[in-house]
N, C-alpha and C. Protein backbone atom coordinates (compact mmCIF):
# COMPACT_ATOMS: atom_id res chain seq x y z
N VAL A 1 61.27 80.30 -83.36
CA VAL A 1 62.38 80.12 -84.49
C VAL A 1 62.65 78.85 -84.43
N GLN A 2 62.65 78.37 -85.63
CA GLN A 2 63.14 76.81 -85.63
C GLN A 2 64.84 76.61 -86.11
N LEU A 3 65.15 75.77 -85.42
CA LEU A 3 66.82 75.70 -85.70
C LEU A 3 67.14 74.41 -86.19
N GLN A 4 68.06 74.29 -87.16
CA GLN A 4 68.49 72.84 -87.77
C GLN A 4 69.87 73.02 -87.88
N ALA A 5 70.41 71.95 -87.05
CA ALA A 5 71.87 71.92 -86.96
C ALA A 5 72.43 70.66 -87.89
N CYS A 6 73.76 70.97 -88.41
CA CYS A 6 74.13 69.74 -89.02
C CYS A 6 75.58 69.97 -88.99
N GLY A 7 76.46 68.83 -89.25
CA GLY A 7 77.98 68.85 -89.46
C GLY A 7 78.60 68.08 -88.65
N GLY A 8 78.03 67.49 -87.67
CA GLY A 8 78.94 66.50 -86.99
C GLY A 8 79.38 65.31 -87.58
N GLY A 9 80.24 64.58 -86.74
CA GLY A 9 80.89 63.28 -87.50
C GLY A 9 81.88 62.90 -86.43
N LEU A 10 82.61 61.88 -87.32
CA LEU A 10 83.77 61.22 -86.45
C LEU A 10 85.09 61.98 -87.15
N VAL A 11 85.84 62.38 -86.17
CA VAL A 11 86.96 63.17 -86.43
C VAL A 11 88.51 62.58 -85.40
N GLN A 12 89.35 62.40 -86.13
CA GLN A 12 90.57 62.02 -85.23
C GLN A 12 90.94 63.26 -84.28
N ALA A 13 91.64 62.78 -83.32
CA ALA A 13 92.09 64.07 -82.50
C ALA A 13 93.00 64.90 -83.48
N GLY A 14 92.99 66.12 -83.03
CA GLY A 14 93.73 67.34 -83.93
C GLY A 14 92.79 67.66 -85.02
N GLY A 15 91.96 67.00 -85.15
CA GLY A 15 91.19 67.32 -86.59
C GLY A 15 90.09 68.70 -86.60
N SER A 16 89.49 68.84 -87.61
CA SER A 16 88.81 70.05 -87.48
C SER A 16 87.33 69.51 -87.85
N LEU A 17 86.31 70.45 -87.66
CA LEU A 17 84.90 70.21 -88.24
C LEU A 17 84.23 71.44 -88.28
N ARG A 18 83.29 71.62 -88.95
CA ARG A 18 82.54 72.97 -89.07
C ARG A 18 81.12 72.52 -88.86
N LEU A 19 80.40 73.18 -87.63
CA LEU A 19 78.99 72.78 -87.54
C LEU A 19 78.12 74.07 -88.16
N SER A 20 76.99 73.80 -88.59
CA SER A 20 76.07 74.86 -89.13
C SER A 20 74.89 74.76 -88.48
N CYS A 21 74.30 75.75 -88.14
CA CYS A 21 72.74 75.81 -87.85
C CYS A 21 72.23 77.10 -88.23
N VAL A 22 71.02 76.58 -88.94
CA VAL A 22 70.00 77.24 -90.06
C VAL A 22 68.87 77.57 -89.14
N ALA A 23 68.65 79.02 -88.96
CA ALA A 23 67.31 79.64 -88.40
C ALA A 23 66.64 79.82 -89.25
N SER A 24 65.16 79.56 -89.06
CA SER A 24 64.23 79.84 -89.84
C SER A 24 63.73 81.44 -90.17
N THR A 25 64.18 82.23 -89.08
CA THR A 25 64.11 83.42 -89.00
C THR A 25 65.14 84.02 -88.19
N SER A 26 65.68 85.26 -88.22
CA SER A 26 66.52 86.14 -87.34
C SER A 26 66.20 87.43 -87.44
N THR A 27 65.09 87.67 -87.76
CA THR A 27 64.72 89.24 -87.99
C THR A 27 64.29 89.66 -86.80
N PHE A 28 65.02 89.93 -85.74
CA PHE A 28 64.66 90.37 -84.47
C PHE A 28 65.78 91.34 -84.06
N ARG A 29 65.17 92.31 -83.26
CA ARG A 29 66.32 93.53 -82.88
C ARG A 29 67.35 92.82 -82.01
N ASN A 30 67.13 92.16 -81.27
CA ASN A 30 68.31 91.49 -80.05
C ASN A 30 68.01 89.94 -80.22
N TYR A 31 68.83 89.71 -81.12
CA TYR A 31 68.67 88.28 -81.49
C TYR A 31 70.40 87.55 -81.63
N GLY A 32 70.32 86.40 -80.86
CA GLY A 32 71.72 85.86 -80.74
C GLY A 32 71.37 84.29 -80.96
N MET A 33 72.59 83.75 -81.23
CA MET A 33 72.81 82.07 -81.44
C MET A 33 73.69 81.73 -80.84
N GLY A 34 73.70 80.62 -80.50
CA GLY A 34 74.82 79.90 -79.69
C GLY A 34 74.88 78.49 -79.92
N TRP A 35 76.15 77.92 -79.28
CA TRP A 35 76.23 76.47 -79.38
C TRP A 35 76.49 76.02 -78.01
N PHE A 36 75.81 74.96 -77.74
CA PHE A 36 76.15 74.35 -76.42
C PHE A 36 76.58 72.81 -76.81
N ARG A 37 77.02 72.20 -75.51
CA ARG A 37 77.49 70.67 -75.63
C ARG A 37 76.95 69.94 -74.65
N GLN A 38 76.61 68.76 -74.83
CA GLN A 38 76.33 67.76 -73.78
C GLN A 38 77.15 66.41 -73.81
N ALA A 39 78.22 66.25 -73.25
CA ALA A 39 78.68 65.05 -73.29
C ALA A 39 78.17 63.85 -72.16
N PRO A 40 78.35 62.42 -72.64
CA PRO A 40 77.38 61.49 -71.83
C PRO A 40 77.88 61.62 -70.38
N GLY A 41 76.71 61.59 -69.64
CA GLY A 41 76.79 61.73 -68.03
C GLY A 41 77.18 63.20 -67.46
N LYS A 42 77.32 64.05 -68.46
CA LYS A 42 77.61 65.44 -68.03
C LYS A 42 76.57 66.32 -68.11
N GLU A 43 76.48 67.60 -67.57
CA GLU A 43 75.49 68.56 -67.98
C GLU A 43 75.92 69.25 -69.23
N ARG A 44 74.81 70.00 -69.73
CA ARG A 44 75.07 70.71 -71.08
C ARG A 44 75.61 71.86 -70.68
N GLU A 45 76.85 72.34 -71.63
CA GLU A 45 77.62 73.11 -71.21
C GLU A 45 77.63 74.34 -72.51
N PHE A 46 77.77 75.53 -72.03
CA PHE A 46 77.96 76.41 -73.04
C PHE A 46 79.19 76.45 -73.84
N VAL A 47 79.07 76.77 -75.20
CA VAL A 47 80.47 76.66 -76.04
C VAL A 47 80.56 77.94 -76.81
N ALA A 48 79.75 78.68 -77.29
CA ALA A 48 80.06 79.86 -78.01
C ALA A 48 78.68 80.64 -78.34
N SER A 49 78.77 81.74 -78.57
CA SER A 49 77.57 82.55 -79.06
C SER A 49 77.93 83.78 -79.64
N ILE A 50 77.00 84.37 -80.48
CA ILE A 50 77.34 85.55 -81.27
C ILE A 50 75.76 86.18 -81.38
N TRP A 51 76.07 87.42 -81.22
CA TRP A 51 75.08 88.51 -81.54
C TRP A 51 74.83 88.84 -82.84
N TRP A 52 73.61 88.73 -83.31
CA TRP A 52 73.30 89.06 -84.97
C TRP A 52 73.57 90.25 -85.37
N SER A 53 73.25 91.40 -84.73
CA SER A 53 73.57 92.67 -85.14
C SER A 53 74.91 93.30 -84.97
N THR A 54 75.43 92.88 -84.26
CA THR A 54 76.95 93.25 -83.98
C THR A 54 78.09 92.30 -84.42
N GLY A 55 77.72 91.21 -84.42
CA GLY A 55 78.77 90.08 -84.39
C GLY A 55 79.54 89.79 -83.32
N SER A 56 79.32 90.34 -82.33
CA SER A 56 80.10 90.39 -81.00
C SER A 56 79.99 88.77 -80.68
N THR A 57 80.91 88.10 -80.35
CA THR A 57 81.03 86.66 -79.82
C THR A 57 81.44 86.42 -78.53
N ASN A 58 81.18 85.32 -77.96
CA ASN A 58 81.52 84.96 -76.52
C ASN A 58 82.04 83.43 -76.60
N VAL A 59 83.24 83.10 -76.17
CA VAL A 59 83.70 81.71 -76.20
C VAL A 59 84.14 81.18 -75.16
N ALA A 60 83.62 79.83 -74.70
CA ALA A 60 83.97 79.45 -73.54
C ALA A 60 85.44 79.07 -73.38
N ASP A 61 85.86 79.36 -72.00
CA ASP A 61 87.26 79.25 -71.95
C ASP A 61 87.95 77.74 -72.51
N SER A 62 87.12 76.84 -72.10
CA SER A 62 87.62 75.52 -72.52
C SER A 62 87.84 75.03 -73.82
N VAL A 63 87.24 75.96 -74.79
CA VAL A 63 87.69 75.91 -76.03
C VAL A 63 88.29 77.03 -76.87
N LYS A 64 88.25 78.21 -76.11
CA LYS A 64 88.94 79.28 -76.69
C LYS A 64 90.32 78.93 -77.37
N GLY A 65 90.42 79.89 -78.42
CA GLY A 65 91.67 79.60 -79.26
C GLY A 65 91.60 78.03 -80.08
N ARG A 66 90.69 77.48 -80.01
CA ARG A 66 90.28 76.27 -80.98
C ARG A 66 89.14 76.35 -81.73
N PHE A 67 88.09 76.85 -81.14
CA PHE A 67 86.82 76.96 -81.69
C PHE A 67 86.57 78.61 -81.87
N THR A 68 85.87 78.90 -83.08
CA THR A 68 85.28 80.07 -83.42
C THR A 68 83.97 79.94 -83.81
N ILE A 69 83.19 80.97 -83.50
CA ILE A 69 81.71 81.10 -83.90
C ILE A 69 81.66 82.00 -84.95
N SER A 70 80.84 81.97 -85.78
CA SER A 70 80.48 83.16 -86.99
C SER A 70 79.15 82.87 -87.49
N ARG A 71 78.85 83.99 -88.28
CA ARG A 71 77.36 83.74 -88.69
C ARG A 71 77.37 84.47 -90.18
N ASP A 72 76.49 84.08 -90.87
CA ASP A 72 76.26 84.50 -92.21
C ASP A 72 74.69 84.78 -92.20
N ILE A 73 74.53 86.22 -92.12
CA ILE A 73 73.30 86.80 -92.11
C ILE A 73 72.22 86.64 -93.27
N THR A 74 72.99 86.55 -94.32
CA THR A 74 72.06 86.24 -95.62
C THR A 74 71.70 85.02 -95.67
N LYS A 75 72.14 83.97 -94.72
CA LYS A 75 71.65 82.74 -94.91
C LYS A 75 71.08 82.28 -93.61
N ASN A 76 70.84 83.03 -92.45
CA ASN A 76 70.38 82.79 -91.47
C ASN A 76 71.10 81.63 -90.50
N THR A 77 72.42 81.88 -90.70
CA THR A 77 73.12 80.50 -90.28
C THR A 77 74.35 80.97 -89.49
N ALA A 78 74.32 80.48 -88.18
CA ALA A 78 75.43 80.29 -87.46
C ALA A 78 76.31 78.81 -87.64
N TYR A 79 77.60 79.20 -87.44
CA TYR A 79 78.78 78.18 -87.60
C TYR A 79 79.66 78.23 -86.43
N LEU A 80 79.87 76.99 -86.19
CA LEU A 80 80.81 76.55 -84.94
C LEU A 80 82.09 76.17 -85.78
N HIS A 81 83.15 76.63 -85.82
CA HIS A 81 84.35 76.22 -86.22
C HIS A 81 85.35 75.71 -85.27
N MET A 82 85.77 74.39 -85.49
CA MET A 82 86.02 73.71 -84.22
C MET A 82 87.53 73.03 -85.16
N THR A 83 88.53 73.45 -84.40
CA THR A 83 90.06 73.04 -84.61
C THR A 83 90.69 72.43 -83.50
N GLY A 84 91.79 71.61 -83.84
CA GLY A 84 92.44 70.92 -82.69
C GLY A 84 91.61 70.18 -81.76
N LEU A 85 90.81 69.53 -82.30
CA LEU A 85 89.74 68.71 -81.68
C LEU A 85 90.13 67.47 -80.80
N ARG A 86 89.85 67.40 -79.52
CA ARG A 86 90.22 66.72 -78.56
C ARG A 86 89.15 65.70 -78.27
N SER A 87 89.62 64.44 -77.38
CA SER A 87 88.48 63.59 -77.08
C SER A 87 87.65 64.24 -76.26
N GLU A 88 88.05 64.98 -75.25
CA GLU A 88 87.10 65.40 -74.55
C GLU A 88 85.91 66.72 -75.12
N ASP A 89 86.28 66.86 -76.52
CA ASP A 89 85.23 67.55 -77.24
C ASP A 89 83.88 66.63 -77.79
N THR A 90 84.29 65.40 -77.56
CA THR A 90 83.29 64.49 -77.86
C THR A 90 81.85 64.68 -77.25
N ALA A 91 80.85 64.89 -78.10
CA ALA A 91 79.64 65.43 -77.03
C ALA A 91 78.67 65.38 -78.48
N VAL A 92 77.52 65.72 -77.86
CA VAL A 92 76.25 66.20 -78.66
C VAL A 92 76.17 67.59 -78.47
N TYR A 93 76.24 68.34 -79.80
CA TYR A 93 76.19 69.60 -79.83
C TYR A 93 75.12 70.12 -80.24
N TYR A 94 74.52 71.34 -79.46
CA TYR A 94 73.32 71.90 -80.06
C TYR A 94 73.16 73.33 -80.02
N CYS A 95 72.53 73.71 -81.01
CA CYS A 95 72.58 75.26 -81.29
C CYS A 95 71.12 75.76 -80.71
N ALA A 96 71.33 76.87 -80.26
CA ALA A 96 70.24 77.81 -79.51
C ALA A 96 70.05 79.09 -79.96
N ALA A 97 68.87 79.86 -79.87
CA ALA A 97 68.60 81.08 -80.18
C ALA A 97 67.92 81.77 -79.18
N THR A 98 68.35 82.97 -79.00
CA THR A 98 67.82 84.08 -77.78
C THR A 98 67.16 85.14 -78.56
N ILE A 99 66.13 85.61 -77.92
CA ILE A 99 65.62 87.14 -78.38
C ILE A 99 65.41 87.98 -77.23
N ASP A 100 65.81 89.12 -77.56
CA ASP A 100 65.63 90.11 -76.41
C ASP A 100 66.22 89.56 -74.93
N TYR A 101 67.26 89.18 -75.04
CA TYR A 101 68.13 88.67 -73.58
C TYR A 101 67.18 88.03 -72.79
N ASP A 102 66.04 87.24 -73.36
CA ASP A 102 65.20 86.20 -72.64
C ASP A 102 65.63 84.74 -72.66
N GLY A 103 66.75 84.70 -72.42
CA GLY A 103 67.46 83.39 -72.29
C GLY A 103 67.49 82.51 -73.60
N TRP A 104 68.18 81.19 -73.56
CA TRP A 104 68.14 80.49 -74.64
C TRP A 104 66.72 79.59 -74.89
N LYS A 105 65.90 80.12 -75.58
CA LYS A 105 64.59 79.58 -75.52
C LYS A 105 64.40 78.63 -76.52
N PHE A 106 65.13 78.56 -77.85
CA PHE A 106 64.65 78.07 -78.98
C PHE A 106 66.07 77.05 -78.93
N TRP A 107 65.72 75.84 -79.37
CA TRP A 107 66.79 74.89 -79.58
C TRP A 107 66.59 74.11 -80.95
N GLY A 108 67.64 73.74 -81.45
CA GLY A 108 67.47 72.61 -82.40
C GLY A 108 67.97 71.34 -81.90
N GLN A 109 68.08 70.38 -82.86
CA GLN A 109 68.28 68.93 -82.52
C GLN A 109 69.93 68.90 -82.42
N GLY A 110 70.24 67.96 -81.77
CA GLY A 110 71.67 68.11 -81.68
C GLY A 110 72.36 67.23 -82.78
N THR A 111 73.69 67.51 -82.81
CA THR A 111 74.56 66.83 -83.93
C THR A 111 75.79 66.14 -83.12
N GLN A 112 75.78 65.02 -83.45
CA GLN A 112 77.03 64.25 -82.53
C GLN A 112 78.41 64.60 -82.97
N VAL A 113 79.21 64.93 -82.39
CA VAL A 113 80.55 65.13 -82.62
C VAL A 113 81.39 64.10 -81.77
N THR A 114 81.99 63.23 -82.38
CA THR A 114 83.04 62.03 -81.95
C THR A 114 84.48 62.24 -82.30
N VAL A 115 85.11 62.59 -81.31
CA VAL A 115 86.90 62.59 -81.61
C VAL A 115 87.26 61.35 -81.19
N SER A 116 88.09 60.88 -82.00
CA SER A 116 88.89 59.43 -81.69
C SER A 116 90.35 59.87 -81.37
N SER A 117 90.67 59.34 -80.46
CA SER A 117 92.33 59.61 -79.75
C SER A 117 93.29 58.44 -80.64
């Protein structure tokens, strides 16, 4: 699976962005996509995930209520909708995919999100 992420940019605190991640294929029985982020000097952390077949989502507590994840099956695309952005959301955001519950083995290139206060 090849993943292509885009949509990052510079935004003021309180603003919104939508990240997109297009997958080369998603025709797997147990397939999920997720978003992770890594801020300077910090470890990569989980942000949100979605299961392709059910649409079931999981969102990290740190962004719950501000970020949501969705998918468009017809476009093989997952989205991360970010609202109420804060300076601490500044990071490189990565999309990832998992097949058959075998971990996040497929990664896209990162997209930079910078929130100015």
